[in-house]
């Protein structure tokens, strides 16, 4: 029979409802933050003249409890996932880890990014080199600083996933972080994806 005894730390947590209530409050605050951002993102994206097909969907916020065992919340806007053509800017909160913003391109949108590489290298952007485009962690087997990636490596990728993160300890700066880098992504990509 499996051991179902609780450790002292587990017993302390299971008898204290405030932990779960606090967690739920934090997740609700992330939803509020992402809801506020979605309004600003939508206005900014329209002003930059992104392709109509990319702007035709509304922002979408979703959540889960188990990305590598931890809760997460994600906002996708703009978002376009059709056949092999993907264009999305993804805002991500991962409990215990970080906030991140990601530009995800595939198909016809990926081809147009290759010309933008140098404009993103000036900052601390990371490029996903993993074959699994749905991984979000920043370990070395997933992301590499874009400044260290060659043009040949980018061309060989089946998709582009360009990301930047900040620690959760910078919670009070998260909104500003997202607004600044969303605008950078939209301005630069709007110049090449029309």
N, C-alpha and C. Protein backbone atom coordinates (compact mmCIF):
# COMPACT_ATOMS: atom_id res chain seq x y z
N UNK A 1 0.84 -1.19 0.00
CA UNK A 1 0.00 0.00 0.00
C UNK A 1 0.89 1.25 0.00
N UNK A 2 0.50 2.24 -0.78
CA UNK A 2 1.30 3.46 -0.91
C UNK A 2 1.31 4.24 0.39
N UNK A 3 2.41 4.92 0.62
CA UNK A 3 2.55 5.76 1.80
C UNK A 3 1.76 7.05 1.61
N UNK A 4 0.73 7.24 2.42
CA UNK A 4 -0.09 8.44 2.32
C UNK A 4 0.03 9.31 3.56
N UNK A 5 1.07 9.07 4.32
CA UNK A 5 1.31 9.90 5.51
C UNK A 5 1.83 11.27 5.07
N UNK A 6 1.45 12.29 5.79
CA UNK A 6 1.90 13.65 5.47
C UNK A 6 3.14 14.02 6.29
N UNK A 7 4.03 14.75 5.66
CA UNK A 7 5.18 15.29 6.37
C UNK A 7 4.67 16.43 7.25
N UNK A 8 5.48 16.87 8.22
CA UNK A 8 5.05 18.02 9.04
C UNK A 8 4.75 19.27 8.19
N UNK A 9 5.56 19.52 7.16
CA UNK A 9 5.32 20.69 6.30
C UNK A 9 4.01 20.54 5.54
N UNK A 10 3.72 19.32 5.05
CA UNK A 10 2.47 19.07 4.35
C UNK A 10 1.27 19.21 5.29
N UNK A 11 1.42 18.72 6.51
CA UNK A 11 0.33 18.81 7.49
C UNK A 11 0.04 20.28 7.81
N UNK A 12 1.09 21.07 7.91
CA UNK A 12 0.90 22.50 8.20
C UNK A 12 0.11 23.18 7.07
N UNK A 13 0.46 22.85 5.81
CA UNK A 13 -0.23 23.46 4.67
C UNK A 13 -1.68 22.99 4.56
N UNK A 14 -1.91 21.71 4.77
CA UNK A 14 -3.26 21.18 4.59
C UNK A 14 -4.24 21.71 5.64
N UNK A 15 -3.72 22.14 6.75
CA UNK A 15 -4.60 22.67 7.81
C UNK A 15 -4.70 24.19 7.78
N UNK A 16 -4.07 24.82 6.79
CA UNK A 16 -4.06 26.28 6.70
C UNK A 16 -4.68 26.72 5.37
N UNK A 17 -5.93 27.10 5.39
CA UNK A 17 -6.64 27.51 4.16
C UNK A 17 -6.09 28.81 3.59
N UNK A 18 -5.39 29.60 4.39
CA UNK A 18 -4.93 30.90 3.92
C UNK A 18 -3.95 30.76 2.75
N UNK A 19 -3.20 29.67 2.70
CA UNK A 19 -2.25 29.48 1.60
C UNK A 19 -3.00 29.43 0.27
N UNK A 20 -4.03 28.60 0.17
CA UNK A 20 -4.78 28.47 -1.07
C UNK A 20 -5.54 29.76 -1.38
N UNK A 21 -6.10 30.39 -0.36
CA UNK A 21 -6.82 31.65 -0.58
C UNK A 21 -5.87 32.73 -1.10
N UNK A 22 -4.66 32.77 -0.57
CA UNK A 22 -3.66 33.73 -1.04
C UNK A 22 -3.25 33.42 -2.47
N UNK A 23 -3.04 32.14 -2.77
CA UNK A 23 -2.70 31.73 -4.13
C UNK A 23 -3.80 32.16 -5.10
N UNK A 24 -5.05 31.90 -4.74
CA UNK A 24 -6.17 32.29 -5.61
C UNK A 24 -6.23 33.81 -5.80
N UNK A 25 -5.94 34.55 -4.76
CA UNK A 25 -5.92 36.01 -4.85
C UNK A 25 -4.82 36.47 -5.82
N UNK A 26 -3.67 35.85 -5.75
CA UNK A 26 -2.57 36.21 -6.65
C UNK A 26 -2.94 35.90 -8.10
N UNK A 27 -3.49 34.73 -8.34
CA UNK A 27 -3.89 34.36 -9.71
C UNK A 27 -4.94 35.35 -10.23
N UNK A 28 -5.88 35.75 -9.38
CA UNK A 28 -6.88 36.75 -9.79
C UNK A 28 -6.22 38.08 -10.14
N UNK A 29 -5.18 38.45 -9.41
CA UNK A 29 -4.46 39.69 -9.72
C UNK A 29 -3.71 39.58 -11.05
N UNK A 30 -3.19 38.40 -11.35
CA UNK A 30 -2.55 38.20 -12.66
C UNK A 30 -3.60 38.35 -13.76
N UNK A 31 -4.78 37.75 -13.54
CA UNK A 31 -5.87 37.89 -14.52
C UNK A 31 -6.22 39.37 -14.72
N UNK A 32 -6.30 40.12 -13.65
CA UNK A 32 -6.61 41.55 -13.75
C UNK A 32 -5.51 42.27 -14.51
N UNK A 33 -4.26 42.00 -14.19
CA UNK A 33 -3.13 42.60 -14.90
C UNK A 33 -3.20 42.28 -16.38
N UNK A 34 -3.41 41.01 -16.71
CA UNK A 34 -3.45 40.60 -18.11
C UNK A 34 -4.68 41.18 -18.82
N UNK A 35 -5.79 41.31 -18.11
CA UNK A 35 -6.97 41.94 -18.69
C UNK A 35 -6.70 43.39 -19.04
N UNK A 36 -6.07 44.11 -18.13
CA UNK A 36 -5.70 45.50 -18.38
C UNK A 36 -4.72 45.60 -19.56
N UNK A 37 -3.75 44.70 -19.59
CA UNK A 37 -2.78 44.70 -20.68
C UNK A 37 -3.45 44.41 -22.02
N UNK A 38 -4.43 43.51 -22.02
CA UNK A 38 -5.06 43.15 -23.29
C UNK A 38 -5.72 44.36 -23.95
N UNK A 39 -6.30 45.25 -23.14
CA UNK A 39 -6.90 46.47 -23.68
C UNK A 39 -5.83 47.36 -24.31
N UNK A 40 -4.72 47.55 -23.60
CA UNK A 40 -3.63 48.37 -24.13
C UNK A 40 -2.98 47.71 -25.34
N UNK A 41 -2.81 46.39 -25.29
CA UNK A 41 -2.20 45.67 -26.42
C UNK A 41 -3.06 45.82 -27.67
N UNK A 42 -4.36 45.68 -27.50
CA UNK A 42 -5.26 45.74 -28.66
C UNK A 42 -5.15 47.11 -29.35
N UNK A 43 -5.16 48.16 -28.56
CA UNK A 43 -5.05 49.52 -29.11
C UNK A 43 -3.71 49.70 -29.82
N UNK A 44 -2.63 49.25 -29.20
CA UNK A 44 -1.30 49.40 -29.77
C UNK A 44 -1.15 48.58 -31.04
N UNK A 45 -1.67 47.37 -31.07
CA UNK A 45 -1.54 46.50 -32.25
C UNK A 45 -2.27 47.09 -33.45
N UNK A 46 -3.45 47.64 -33.22
CA UNK A 46 -4.22 48.25 -34.31
C UNK A 46 -3.49 49.46 -34.87
N UNK A 47 -2.89 50.26 -33.99
CA UNK A 47 -2.15 51.45 -34.42
C UNK A 47 -0.94 51.11 -35.27
N UNK A 48 -0.41 49.92 -35.13
CA UNK A 48 0.80 49.54 -35.86
C UNK A 48 0.50 48.82 -37.17
N UNK A 49 -0.75 48.66 -37.50
CA UNK A 49 -1.13 48.08 -38.78
C UNK A 49 -0.62 46.67 -39.00
N UNK A 50 -0.84 45.83 -38.02
CA UNK A 50 -0.54 44.41 -38.22
C UNK A 50 -1.57 43.85 -39.19
N UNK A 51 -1.27 42.71 -39.80
CA UNK A 51 -2.22 42.13 -40.76
C UNK A 51 -3.60 41.91 -40.12
N UNK A 52 -4.64 42.14 -40.90
CA UNK A 52 -6.00 42.03 -40.40
C UNK A 52 -6.29 40.65 -39.82
N UNK A 53 -5.80 39.60 -40.48
CA UNK A 53 -6.06 38.25 -39.99
C UNK A 53 -5.51 38.03 -38.59
N UNK A 54 -4.42 38.69 -38.26
CA UNK A 54 -3.81 38.57 -36.94
C UNK A 54 -4.64 39.30 -35.89
N UNK A 55 -5.24 40.40 -36.30
CA UNK A 55 -6.01 41.22 -35.36
C UNK A 55 -7.48 40.82 -35.23
N UNK A 56 -7.93 39.87 -36.05
CA UNK A 56 -9.34 39.49 -36.06
C UNK A 56 -9.81 38.72 -34.83
N UNK A 57 -8.93 38.25 -34.00
CA UNK A 57 -9.33 37.52 -32.80
C UNK A 57 -9.15 38.41 -31.58
N UNK A 58 -9.97 38.17 -30.59
CA UNK A 58 -9.86 38.91 -29.34
C UNK A 58 -8.76 38.32 -28.47
N UNK A 59 -8.25 39.11 -27.54
CA UNK A 59 -7.27 38.57 -26.59
C UNK A 59 -7.88 37.39 -25.82
N UNK A 60 -7.03 36.43 -25.50
CA UNK A 60 -7.48 35.26 -24.76
C UNK A 60 -6.55 35.03 -23.57
N UNK A 61 -7.16 34.92 -22.38
CA UNK A 61 -6.41 34.63 -21.16
C UNK A 61 -6.79 33.22 -20.71
N UNK A 62 -5.80 32.41 -20.45
CA UNK A 62 -6.07 31.09 -19.93
C UNK A 62 -5.09 30.78 -18.82
N UNK A 63 -5.40 29.68 -18.13
CA UNK A 63 -4.59 29.31 -16.97
C UNK A 63 -4.52 27.81 -16.84
N UNK A 64 -3.56 27.39 -16.07
CA UNK A 64 -3.41 25.97 -15.77
C UNK A 64 -2.74 25.82 -14.42
N UNK A 65 -2.73 24.61 -13.95
CA UNK A 65 -2.16 24.32 -12.64
C UNK A 65 -0.89 23.50 -12.70
N UNK A 66 -0.47 23.11 -13.92
CA UNK A 66 0.59 22.12 -13.95
C UNK A 66 1.55 22.29 -15.12
N UNK A 67 2.19 23.43 -15.22
CA UNK A 67 3.34 23.52 -16.13
C UNK A 67 4.55 23.21 -15.27
N UNK A 68 5.11 22.04 -15.48
CA UNK A 68 6.18 21.51 -14.62
C UNK A 68 5.76 21.54 -13.15
N UNK A 69 4.49 21.26 -12.91
CA UNK A 69 3.97 21.13 -11.55
C UNK A 69 3.50 22.43 -10.91
N UNK A 70 3.58 23.53 -11.63
CA UNK A 70 3.27 24.84 -11.04
C UNK A 70 2.18 25.57 -11.82
N UNK A 71 1.39 26.41 -11.14
CA UNK A 71 0.36 27.19 -11.81
C UNK A 71 0.94 28.21 -12.78
N UNK A 72 0.13 28.53 -13.79
CA UNK A 72 0.53 29.50 -14.81
C UNK A 72 -0.71 30.23 -15.32
N UNK A 73 -0.47 31.43 -15.90
CA UNK A 73 -1.52 32.20 -16.56
C UNK A 73 -0.89 32.77 -17.84
N UNK A 74 -1.68 32.76 -18.93
CA UNK A 74 -1.16 33.19 -20.22
C UNK A 74 -2.17 34.08 -20.93
N UNK A 75 -1.68 35.12 -21.57
CA UNK A 75 -2.48 35.99 -22.43
C UNK A 75 -1.90 35.90 -23.83
N UNK A 76 -2.75 35.59 -24.80
CA UNK A 76 -2.33 35.60 -26.20
C UNK A 76 -3.05 36.74 -26.92
N UNK A 77 -2.28 37.69 -27.40
CA UNK A 77 -2.80 38.74 -28.27
C UNK A 77 -1.63 39.53 -28.83
N UNK A 78 -1.65 39.78 -30.12
CA UNK A 78 -2.53 39.20 -31.11
C UNK A 78 -2.24 37.71 -31.24
N UNK A 79 -3.19 36.99 -31.82
CA UNK A 79 -3.01 35.55 -31.96
C UNK A 79 -3.64 35.07 -33.25
N UNK A 80 -2.89 34.29 -33.96
CA UNK A 80 -3.37 33.70 -35.20
C UNK A 80 -2.69 32.35 -35.32
N UNK A 81 -3.46 31.29 -35.24
CA UNK A 81 -2.95 29.93 -35.36
C UNK A 81 -3.80 29.22 -36.41
N UNK A 82 -3.29 29.14 -37.61
CA UNK A 82 -4.05 28.49 -38.67
C UNK A 82 -3.09 27.69 -39.54
N UNK A 83 -3.41 26.41 -39.68
CA UNK A 83 -2.58 25.49 -40.44
C UNK A 83 -1.14 25.58 -39.92
N UNK A 84 -0.23 25.97 -40.76
CA UNK A 84 1.16 26.10 -40.35
C UNK A 84 1.60 27.54 -40.18
N UNK A 85 0.66 28.47 -40.21
CA UNK A 85 0.99 29.89 -40.06
C UNK A 85 0.57 30.35 -38.66
N UNK A 86 1.56 30.70 -37.84
CA UNK A 86 1.31 31.16 -36.47
C UNK A 86 1.88 32.57 -36.31
N UNK A 87 1.12 33.41 -35.63
CA UNK A 87 1.61 34.71 -35.19
C UNK A 87 0.96 34.96 -33.83
N UNK A 88 1.76 35.06 -32.81
CA UNK A 88 1.21 35.32 -31.48
C UNK A 88 2.22 36.08 -30.64
N UNK A 89 1.69 36.97 -29.82
CA UNK A 89 2.49 37.55 -28.75
C UNK A 89 1.88 37.02 -27.47
N UNK A 90 2.70 36.32 -26.73
CA UNK A 90 2.24 35.60 -25.56
C UNK A 90 2.84 36.22 -24.30
N UNK A 91 1.96 36.57 -23.37
CA UNK A 91 2.34 37.11 -22.07
C UNK A 91 2.13 35.99 -21.06
N UNK A 92 3.14 35.71 -20.24
CA UNK A 92 3.13 34.49 -19.43
C UNK A 92 3.53 34.78 -17.99
N UNK A 93 2.79 34.19 -17.05
CA UNK A 93 3.13 34.20 -15.63
C UNK A 93 3.31 32.75 -15.23
N UNK A 94 4.46 32.45 -14.60
CA UNK A 94 4.70 31.09 -14.15
C UNK A 94 5.08 31.14 -12.68
N UNK A 95 4.22 30.61 -11.85
CA UNK A 95 4.38 30.62 -10.39
C UNK A 95 5.79 30.16 -10.01
N UNK A 96 6.42 30.94 -9.14
CA UNK A 96 7.73 30.56 -8.63
C UNK A 96 8.88 30.82 -9.58
N UNK A 97 8.60 31.36 -10.76
CA UNK A 97 9.65 31.51 -11.78
C UNK A 97 9.76 32.92 -12.34
N UNK A 98 8.87 33.34 -13.22
CA UNK A 98 9.04 34.61 -13.91
C UNK A 98 7.76 35.04 -14.62
N UNK A 99 7.81 36.28 -15.11
CA UNK A 99 6.90 36.79 -16.13
C UNK A 99 7.72 36.76 -17.43
N UNK A 100 7.05 36.52 -18.56
CA UNK A 100 7.76 36.61 -19.84
C UNK A 100 6.82 37.12 -20.92
N UNK A 101 7.43 37.62 -21.98
CA UNK A 101 6.70 37.99 -23.18
C UNK A 101 7.40 37.31 -24.35
N UNK A 102 6.60 36.74 -25.24
CA UNK A 102 7.13 35.91 -26.32
C UNK A 102 6.47 36.26 -27.63
N UNK A 103 7.28 36.37 -28.66
CA UNK A 103 6.79 36.46 -30.02
C UNK A 103 6.94 35.08 -30.63
N UNK A 104 5.83 34.52 -31.11
CA UNK A 104 5.86 33.18 -31.69
C UNK A 104 5.40 33.26 -33.14
N UNK A 105 6.28 32.83 -34.05
CA UNK A 105 6.02 32.92 -35.49
C UNK A 105 6.32 31.59 -36.16
N UNK A 106 5.47 31.24 -37.10
CA UNK A 106 5.68 30.01 -37.86
C UNK A 106 5.12 30.22 -39.26
N UNK A 107 5.61 29.44 -40.21
CA UNK A 107 5.10 29.53 -41.58
C UNK A 107 5.49 30.83 -42.23
N UNK A 108 4.52 31.49 -42.89
CA UNK A 108 4.83 32.71 -43.62
C UNK A 108 5.33 33.82 -42.72
N UNK A 109 4.93 33.84 -41.46
CA UNK A 109 5.40 34.88 -40.53
C UNK A 109 6.84 34.64 -40.09
N UNK A 110 7.20 33.40 -39.94
CA UNK A 110 8.58 33.06 -39.55
C UNK A 110 9.56 33.51 -40.62
N UNK A 111 9.20 33.32 -41.85
CA UNK A 111 10.10 33.69 -42.95
C UNK A 111 10.43 35.17 -42.93
N UNK A 112 9.48 35.98 -42.52
CA UNK A 112 9.69 37.42 -42.53
C UNK A 112 10.51 37.91 -41.34
N UNK A 113 10.57 37.11 -40.28
CA UNK A 113 11.32 37.53 -39.09
C UNK A 113 12.82 37.55 -39.34
N UNK A 114 13.30 36.67 -40.16
CA UNK A 114 14.74 36.50 -40.32
C UNK A 114 15.44 37.83 -40.63
N UNK A 115 14.72 38.76 -41.23
CA UNK A 115 15.30 40.08 -41.53
C UNK A 115 15.38 40.98 -40.30
N UNK A 116 14.68 40.63 -39.24
CA UNK A 116 14.62 41.48 -38.05
C UNK A 116 15.63 41.11 -36.97
N UNK A 117 16.36 40.03 -37.14
CA UNK A 117 17.24 39.52 -36.10
C UNK A 117 18.11 40.60 -35.47
N UNK A 118 18.76 41.41 -36.28
CA UNK A 118 19.70 42.40 -35.76
C UNK A 118 19.02 43.46 -34.89
N UNK A 119 17.78 43.77 -35.17
CA UNK A 119 17.08 44.77 -34.37
C UNK A 119 16.77 44.26 -32.96
N UNK A 120 16.64 42.96 -32.79
CA UNK A 120 16.35 42.39 -31.47
C UNK A 120 17.61 42.02 -30.70
N UNK A 121 18.73 41.92 -31.37
CA UNK A 121 19.98 41.52 -30.71
C UNK A 121 20.51 42.57 -29.75
N UNK A 122 20.07 43.80 -29.91
CA UNK A 122 20.58 44.88 -29.06
C UNK A 122 20.16 44.71 -27.60
N UNK A 123 19.08 44.00 -27.37
CA UNK A 123 18.53 43.82 -26.03
C UNK A 123 18.73 42.36 -25.59
N UNK A 124 18.34 42.02 -24.38
CA UNK A 124 18.56 40.67 -23.89
C UNK A 124 17.38 39.74 -24.22
N UNK A 125 17.13 39.57 -25.52
CA UNK A 125 16.12 38.64 -26.00
C UNK A 125 16.73 37.25 -26.11
N UNK A 126 15.88 36.25 -25.94
CA UNK A 126 16.30 34.86 -26.06
C UNK A 126 15.53 34.20 -27.20
N UNK A 127 16.17 33.26 -27.88
CA UNK A 127 15.54 32.54 -28.98
C UNK A 127 15.42 31.07 -28.58
N UNK A 128 14.24 30.51 -28.81
CA UNK A 128 14.00 29.10 -28.52
C UNK A 128 14.67 28.24 -29.58
N UNK A 129 15.48 27.30 -29.14
CA UNK A 129 16.13 26.36 -30.05
C UNK A 129 15.60 24.94 -29.86
N UNK A 130 14.62 24.79 -29.00
CA UNK A 130 13.99 23.51 -28.72
C UNK A 130 13.11 23.12 -29.90
N UNK A 131 12.95 21.84 -30.14
CA UNK A 131 12.05 21.39 -31.21
C UNK A 131 10.59 21.47 -30.79
N UNK A 132 10.34 21.56 -29.48
CA UNK A 132 8.98 21.65 -28.95
C UNK A 132 8.64 23.12 -28.73
N UNK A 133 7.80 23.67 -29.60
CA UNK A 133 7.49 25.09 -29.53
C UNK A 133 6.60 25.47 -28.35
N UNK A 134 6.13 24.50 -27.59
CA UNK A 134 5.21 24.78 -26.48
C UNK A 134 5.92 24.76 -25.14
N UNK A 135 7.23 24.76 -25.13
CA UNK A 135 8.00 24.86 -23.88
C UNK A 135 8.28 26.33 -23.59
N UNK A 136 8.14 26.71 -22.30
CA UNK A 136 8.27 28.12 -21.93
C UNK A 136 9.42 28.42 -20.96
N UNK A 137 10.06 27.40 -20.43
CA UNK A 137 11.15 27.64 -19.47
C UNK A 137 12.36 28.23 -20.19
N UNK A 138 13.26 28.81 -19.40
CA UNK A 138 14.44 29.48 -19.97
C UNK A 138 15.73 28.70 -19.71
N UNK A 139 15.63 27.41 -19.49
CA UNK A 139 16.87 26.64 -19.32
C UNK A 139 17.61 26.54 -20.65
N UNK A 140 18.89 26.21 -20.58
CA UNK A 140 19.76 26.21 -21.77
C UNK A 140 19.29 25.29 -22.88
N UNK A 141 18.53 24.24 -22.53
CA UNK A 141 18.06 23.32 -23.57
C UNK A 141 16.81 23.85 -24.28
N UNK A 142 16.37 25.05 -23.91
CA UNK A 142 15.19 25.64 -24.55
C UNK A 142 15.50 27.00 -25.18
N UNK A 143 16.16 27.87 -24.44
CA UNK A 143 16.44 29.22 -24.94
C UNK A 143 17.93 29.52 -24.92
N UNK A 144 18.33 30.35 -25.87
CA UNK A 144 19.72 30.82 -25.98
C UNK A 144 19.65 32.32 -26.26
N UNK A 145 20.58 33.11 -25.71
CA UNK A 145 20.56 34.54 -26.05
C UNK A 145 20.60 34.73 -27.57
N UNK A 146 19.72 35.56 -28.08
CA UNK A 146 19.63 35.78 -29.52
C UNK A 146 20.96 36.28 -30.09
N UNK A 147 21.68 37.04 -29.32
CA UNK A 147 22.96 37.58 -29.80
C UNK A 147 23.98 36.48 -30.09
N UNK A 148 23.75 35.27 -29.54
CA UNK A 148 24.67 34.15 -29.76
C UNK A 148 24.20 33.19 -30.85
N UNK A 149 23.07 33.51 -31.47
CA UNK A 149 22.49 32.63 -32.50
C UNK A 149 22.85 33.18 -33.87
N UNK A 150 23.29 32.30 -34.75
CA UNK A 150 23.66 32.73 -36.10
C UNK A 150 22.42 32.81 -37.00
N UNK A 151 22.56 33.54 -38.08
CA UNK A 151 21.48 33.65 -39.06
C UNK A 151 21.15 32.27 -39.64
N UNK A 152 22.16 31.43 -39.80
CA UNK A 152 21.94 30.08 -40.32
C UNK A 152 21.10 29.25 -39.35
N UNK A 153 21.36 29.39 -38.05
CA UNK A 153 20.57 28.66 -37.07
C UNK A 153 19.11 29.09 -37.11
N UNK A 154 18.87 30.39 -37.27
CA UNK A 154 17.50 30.91 -37.34
C UNK A 154 16.79 30.36 -38.58
N UNK A 155 17.48 30.38 -39.70
CA UNK A 155 16.88 29.88 -40.94
C UNK A 155 16.51 28.41 -40.81
N UNK A 156 17.30 27.63 -40.09
CA UNK A 156 17.04 26.19 -39.94
C UNK A 156 15.88 25.87 -38.99
N UNK A 157 15.46 26.82 -38.17
CA UNK A 157 14.39 26.57 -37.21
C UNK A 157 13.04 26.43 -37.91
N UNK A 158 12.18 25.52 -37.42
CA UNK A 158 10.84 25.40 -38.00
C UNK A 158 9.89 26.50 -37.53
N UNK A 159 10.26 27.21 -36.48
CA UNK A 159 9.45 28.29 -35.93
C UNK A 159 10.38 29.26 -35.22
N UNK A 160 9.87 30.47 -34.95
CA UNK A 160 10.60 31.47 -34.18
C UNK A 160 9.86 31.67 -32.87
N UNK A 161 10.60 31.61 -31.80
CA UNK A 161 10.03 31.93 -30.50
C UNK A 161 11.06 32.81 -29.81
N UNK A 162 10.76 34.09 -29.79
CA UNK A 162 11.65 35.10 -29.24
C UNK A 162 11.06 35.56 -27.92
N UNK A 163 11.84 35.53 -26.84
CA UNK A 163 11.27 35.81 -25.52
C UNK A 163 12.20 36.64 -24.65
N UNK A 164 11.57 37.31 -23.70
CA UNK A 164 12.27 38.10 -22.69
C UNK A 164 11.52 37.88 -21.39
N UNK A 165 12.24 37.87 -20.27
CA UNK A 165 11.60 37.60 -18.98
C UNK A 165 12.07 38.58 -17.91
N UNK A 166 11.26 38.67 -16.84
CA UNK A 166 11.67 39.37 -15.62
C UNK A 166 11.27 38.50 -14.44
N UNK A 167 12.02 38.59 -13.34
CA UNK A 167 11.68 37.79 -12.16
C UNK A 167 10.38 38.26 -11.52
N UNK A 168 9.70 37.35 -10.85
CA UNK A 168 8.46 37.70 -10.17
C UNK A 168 8.69 38.71 -9.05
N UNK A 169 9.90 38.79 -8.55
CA UNK A 169 10.23 39.79 -7.54
C UNK A 169 10.07 41.22 -8.05
N UNK A 170 9.99 41.37 -9.37
CA UNK A 170 9.78 42.69 -9.98
C UNK A 170 8.31 42.89 -10.35
N UNK A 171 7.42 42.28 -9.56
CA UNK A 171 5.98 42.35 -9.80
C UNK A 171 5.51 43.77 -10.10
N UNK A 172 5.97 44.74 -9.32
CA UNK A 172 5.51 46.12 -9.48
C UNK A 172 5.96 46.74 -10.80
N UNK A 173 6.92 46.14 -11.47
CA UNK A 173 7.39 46.62 -12.77
C UNK A 173 6.84 45.82 -13.94
N UNK A 174 6.04 44.80 -13.65
CA UNK A 174 5.59 43.89 -14.71
C UNK A 174 4.77 44.60 -15.77
N UNK A 175 3.84 45.43 -15.38
CA UNK A 175 3.00 46.10 -16.37
C UNK A 175 3.85 46.96 -17.31
N UNK A 176 4.76 47.72 -16.75
CA UNK A 176 5.63 48.55 -17.57
C UNK A 176 6.49 47.68 -18.50
N UNK A 177 7.04 46.60 -17.97
CA UNK A 177 7.84 45.64 -18.76
C UNK A 177 7.04 45.16 -19.97
N UNK A 178 5.81 44.70 -19.72
CA UNK A 178 4.99 44.18 -20.81
C UNK A 178 4.63 45.24 -21.83
N UNK A 179 4.30 46.43 -21.39
CA UNK A 179 3.92 47.50 -22.32
C UNK A 179 5.09 47.91 -23.20
N UNK A 180 6.26 48.03 -22.60
CA UNK A 180 7.46 48.42 -23.37
C UNK A 180 7.79 47.38 -24.43
N UNK A 181 7.86 46.11 -24.01
CA UNK A 181 8.33 45.08 -24.94
C UNK A 181 7.24 44.62 -25.90
N UNK A 182 5.99 44.74 -25.52
CA UNK A 182 4.92 44.48 -26.48
C UNK A 182 5.02 45.49 -27.62
N UNK A 183 5.18 46.74 -27.26
CA UNK A 183 5.28 47.78 -28.29
C UNK A 183 6.49 47.53 -29.19
N UNK A 184 7.62 47.15 -28.60
CA UNK A 184 8.80 46.86 -29.41
C UNK A 184 8.52 45.72 -30.38
N UNK A 185 7.90 44.66 -29.89
CA UNK A 185 7.59 43.52 -30.77
C UNK A 185 6.64 43.92 -31.89
N UNK A 186 5.61 44.67 -31.54
CA UNK A 186 4.60 45.04 -32.54
C UNK A 186 5.19 46.01 -33.58
N UNK A 187 5.92 46.99 -33.14
CA UNK A 187 6.50 47.96 -34.09
C UNK A 187 7.44 47.26 -35.06
N UNK A 188 8.33 46.45 -34.53
CA UNK A 188 9.32 45.81 -35.41
C UNK A 188 8.69 44.76 -36.32
N UNK A 189 7.76 43.97 -35.78
CA UNK A 189 7.16 42.95 -36.63
C UNK A 189 6.19 43.55 -37.65
N UNK A 190 5.54 44.64 -37.29
CA UNK A 190 4.59 45.26 -38.24
C UNK A 190 5.32 45.75 -39.48
N UNK A 191 6.60 46.06 -39.35
CA UNK A 191 7.38 46.53 -40.48
C UNK A 191 7.69 45.40 -41.48
N UNK A 192 7.59 44.15 -41.00
CA UNK A 192 8.01 43.06 -41.87
C UNK A 192 6.93 42.06 -42.23
N UNK A 193 5.80 42.05 -41.51
CA UNK A 193 4.81 40.98 -41.75
C UNK A 193 3.64 41.42 -42.60
N UNK A 194 3.62 42.62 -43.07
CA UNK A 194 2.50 43.09 -43.90
C UNK A 194 2.45 42.34 -45.22
